[in-house]
Amino acid sequence: MNKFLISKFDSYFRNSCDSASLMELENYIEEHKLKYSCIDNYRPVQALQCADNPDHAACNKCTYL
């Protein structure tokens, strides 16, 4: 199971993989001995937001330098 946490651009409410709000889900996954990963603001998924808002600063940063 993969969890991708994507924050809305300019949103006041932001979660991360370490957020307390995800602890219940994480505990459930571990109790059922499932493998999982969690990625904050996974760039390929975030690109979908950039398709709607290509001029936003988060869409114009280079992450390869």
C-alpha atoms as a PDB file:
ATOM      1  CA  MET A   1       0.000   0.000   0.000  1.00  0.00           C
ATOM      2  CA  ASN A   2       1.330   3.392  -0.961  1.00  0.00           C
ATOM      3  CA  LYS A   3       0.134   6.596   0.646  1.00  0.00           C
ATOM      4  CA  PHE A   4       0.722   9.854  -1.163  1.00  0.00           C
ATOM      5  CA  LEU A   5      -0.034  12.972   0.854  1.00  0.00           C
ATOM      6  CA  ILE A   6      -0.490  15.929  -1.417  1.00  0.00           C
ATOM      7  CA  SER A   7      -1.121  19.374   0.018  1.00  0.00           C
ATOM      8  CA  LYS A   8      -3.257  21.827  -1.877  1.00  0.00           C
ATOM      9  CA  PHE A   9      -1.323  24.843  -3.051  1.00  0.00           C
ATOM     10  CA  ASP A  10      -1.540  27.724  -0.565  1.00  0.00           C
ATOM     11  CA  SER A  11      -3.620  25.659   1.838  1.00  0.00           C
ATOM     12  CA  TYR A  12      -3.551  26.475   5.533  1.00  0.00           C
ATOM     13  CA  PHE A  13      -4.255  22.821   6.435  1.00  0.00           C
ATOM     14  CA  ARG A  14      -1.294  20.547   5.716  1.00  0.00           C
ATOM     15  CA  ASN A  15      -0.584  17.003   6.765  1.00  0.00           C
ATOM     16  CA  SER A  16       2.559  14.973   6.401  1.00  0.00           C
ATOM     17  CA  CYS A  17       3.347  11.304   6.684  1.00  0.00           C
ATOM     18  CA  ASP A  18       4.221  11.914  10.345  1.00  0.00           C
ATOM     19  CA  SER A  19       0.919  13.630  11.210  1.00  0.00           C
ATOM     20  CA  ALA A  20      -1.053  12.435  14.189  1.00  0.00           C
ATOM     21  CA  SER A  21      -4.164  12.273  12.005  1.00  0.00           C
ATOM     22  CA  LEU A  22      -2.620   9.363  10.092  1.00  0.00           C
ATOM     23  CA  MET A  23      -1.707   7.304  13.149  1.00  0.00           C
ATOM     24  CA  GLU A  24      -4.996   5.366  13.178  1.00  0.00           C
ATOM     25  CA  LEU A  25      -4.532   4.330   9.563  1.00  0.00           C
ATOM     26  CA  GLU A  26      -0.890   3.440  10.142  1.00  0.00           C
ATOM     27  CA  ASN A  27      -1.786   1.334  13.201  1.00  0.00           C
ATOM     28  CA  TYR A  28      -4.451  -0.521  11.210  1.00  0.00           C
ATOM     29  CA  ILE A  29      -1.989  -1.262   8.412  1.00  0.00           C
ATOM     30  CA  GLU A  30       0.661  -2.513  10.837  1.00  0.00           C
ATOM     31  CA  GLU A  31      -1.851  -4.669  12.759  1.00  0.00           C
ATOM     32  CA  HIS A  32      -2.741  -6.424   9.514  1.00  0.00           C
ATOM     33  CA  LYS A  33       0.931  -6.899   8.660  1.00  0.00           C
ATOM     34  CA  LEU A  34       0.654  -5.015   5.394  1.00  0.00           C
ATOM     35  CA  LYS A  35       3.586  -3.336   3.732  1.00  0.00           C
ATOM     36  CA  TYR A  36       3.213   0.351   3.109  1.00  0.00           C
ATOM     37  CA  SER A  37       5.059   3.509   2.302  1.00  0.00           C
ATOM     38  CA  CYS A  38       4.154   7.140   2.634  1.00  0.00           C
ATOM     39  CA  ILE A  39       5.480   9.967   0.490  1.00  0.00           C
ATOM     40  CA  ASP A  40       4.848  13.654   1.168  1.00  0.00           C
ATOM     41  CA  ASN A  41       4.032  15.794  -1.872  1.00  0.00           C
ATOM     42  CA  TYR A  42       5.060  13.148  -4.381  1.00  0.00           C
ATOM     43  CA  ARG A  43       6.137  15.188  -7.377  1.00  0.00           C
ATOM     44  CA  PRO A  44       4.476  13.087 -10.136  1.00  0.00           C
ATOM     45  CA  VAL A  45       1.116  13.366  -8.362  1.00  0.00           C
ATOM     46  CA  GLN A  46       1.671  17.040  -7.595  1.00  0.00           C
ATOM     47  CA  ALA A  47       2.081  17.557 -11.348  1.00  0.00           C
ATOM     48  CA  LEU A  48      -1.671  17.041 -11.669  1.00  0.00           C
ATOM     49  CA  GLN A  49      -2.196  20.199  -9.611  1.00  0.00           C
ATOM     50  CA  CYS A  50       0.288  22.000 -11.835  1.00  0.00           C
ATOM     51  CA  ALA A  51      -1.754  21.071 -14.891  1.00  0.00           C
ATOM     52  CA  ASP A  52      -4.551  23.231 -13.442  1.00  0.00           C
ATOM     53  CA  ASN A  53      -2.264  25.958 -12.112  1.00  0.00           C
ATOM     54  CA  PRO A  54       0.985  25.972 -14.151  1.00  0.00           C
ATOM     55  CA  ASP A  55       2.089  29.451 -13.036  1.00  0.00           C
ATOM     56  CA  HIS A  56       2.139  28.585  -9.326  1.00  0.00           C
ATOM     57  CA  ALA A  57       5.590  28.850  -7.694  1.00  0.00           C
ATOM     58  CA  ALA A  58       5.497  25.193  -6.598  1.00  0.00           C
ATOM     59  CA  CYS A  59       5.193  24.161 -10.238  1.00  0.00           C
ATOM     60  CA  ASN A  60       8.197  26.144 -11.389  1.00  0.00           C
ATOM     61  CA  LYS A  61      10.852  24.949  -8.948  1.00  0.00           C
ATOM     62  CA  CYS A  62      13.577  22.651 -10.137  1.00  0.00           C
ATOM     63  CA  THR A  63      14.077  19.679  -7.795  1.00  0.00           C
ATOM     64  CA  TYR A  64      17.038  18.179  -9.623  1.00  0.00           C
ATOM     65  CA  LEU A  65      19.699  20.725  -8.636  1.00  0.00           C
END
